Amino acid sequence: MGLERKMFRGMFDQTEVVQLRQTCFTPNRVFEAGQYMVGELPDIAFDMGLVERLPSVRGNSAELDDPNSEVD
């Protein structure tokens, strides 16, 4: 049996953007897979292990925004 990494809402800041790995159905709404702020997703998405933290971006925003910048 494999190990499953469980995430819960308390591990994230409410304004953090996370990845919903697959569609999540609730009685009121269907959440398609994609990126959402933590506060937008239902608890069941976290309970079912459907949420992943996005990888951190290295470098500063000026380097990322400038297409002419050279990266070593």
Protein backbone atom coordinates (compact mmCIF):
# COMPACT_ATOMS: atom_id res chain seq x y z
CA MET A 1 0.00 0.00 0.00
CA GLY A 2 1.41 3.40 -0.99
CA LEU A 3 1.68 6.40 1.25
CA GLU A 4 -0.63 9.30 0.58
CA ARG A 5 0.39 12.82 1.44
CA LYS A 6 -2.60 14.57 3.02
CA MET A 7 -3.00 18.31 2.82
CA PHE A 8 -5.46 20.22 4.96
CA ARG A 9 -6.71 23.78 4.68
CA GLY A 10 -4.76 24.89 7.76
CA MET A 11 -1.46 24.23 5.98
CA PHE A 12 -2.09 27.12 3.58
CA ASP A 13 -2.66 30.84 3.75
CA GLN A 14 -6.22 31.66 2.61
CA THR A 15 -4.86 33.78 -0.27
CA GLU A 16 -2.29 31.20 -1.44
CA VAL A 17 -2.83 29.81 -4.94
CA VAL A 18 -2.90 26.00 -5.12
CA GLN A 19 -3.46 23.38 -7.82
CA LEU A 20 -6.69 21.36 -7.81
CA ARG A 21 -5.56 18.12 -9.50
CA GLN A 22 -8.97 16.86 -10.63
CA THR A 23 -12.59 17.91 -10.78
CA CYS A 24 -14.28 18.28 -7.39
CA PHE A 25 -18.08 18.01 -7.15
CA THR A 26 -20.08 19.63 -4.36
CA PRO A 27 -23.86 19.94 -4.04
CA ASN A 28 -23.66 23.62 -5.07
CA ARG A 29 -20.81 23.76 -7.56
CA VAL A 30 -18.40 21.85 -9.78
CA PHE A 31 -14.75 22.87 -9.39
CA GLU A 32 -12.76 22.06 -12.54
CA ALA A 33 -9.09 21.10 -12.21
CA GLY A 34 -6.86 24.16 -12.19
CA GLN A 35 -5.46 26.87 -9.96
CA TYR A 36 -7.53 28.38 -7.15
CA MET A 37 -7.01 30.47 -4.06
CA VAL A 38 -7.29 28.29 -0.95
CA GLY A 39 -10.30 30.25 0.31
CA GLU A 40 -12.27 29.44 -2.87
CA LEU A 41 -12.07 25.65 -2.50
CA PRO A 42 -14.35 23.48 -0.36
CA ASP A 43 -12.99 21.49 2.60
CA ILE A 44 -13.76 18.22 0.79
CA ALA A 45 -11.11 19.00 -1.85
CA PHE A 46 -8.48 19.06 0.89
CA ASP A 47 -9.94 16.05 2.72
CA MET A 48 -9.84 13.96 -0.46
CA GLY A 49 -6.22 14.93 -1.22
CA LEU A 50 -7.07 16.76 -4.45
CA VAL A 51 -5.03 19.87 -3.63
CA GLU A 52 -1.30 20.39 -4.22
CA ARG A 53 0.96 23.27 -3.39
CA LEU A 54 2.38 24.97 -6.49
CA PRO A 55 6.16 24.86 -6.92
CA SER A 56 7.93 28.02 -5.84
CA VAL A 57 9.30 30.31 -8.52
CA ARG A 58 13.01 31.12 -8.30
CA GLY A 59 14.39 34.54 -9.15
CA ASN A 60 12.83 37.94 -8.78
CA SER A 61 9.86 39.23 -10.73
CA ALA A 62 11.98 41.67 -12.77
CA GLU A 63 14.00 38.76 -14.16
CA LEU A 64 10.86 36.82 -14.97
CA ASP A 65 9.10 39.75 -16.65
CA ASP A 66 12.05 40.84 -18.83
CA PRO A 67 12.30 38.57 -21.91
CA ASN A 68 15.75 40.06 -22.71
CA SER A 69 17.31 39.18 -19.36
CA GLU A 70 19.96 36.49 -19.43
CA VAL A 71 19.90 33.65 -16.93
CA ASP A 72 23.17 31.91 -16.05
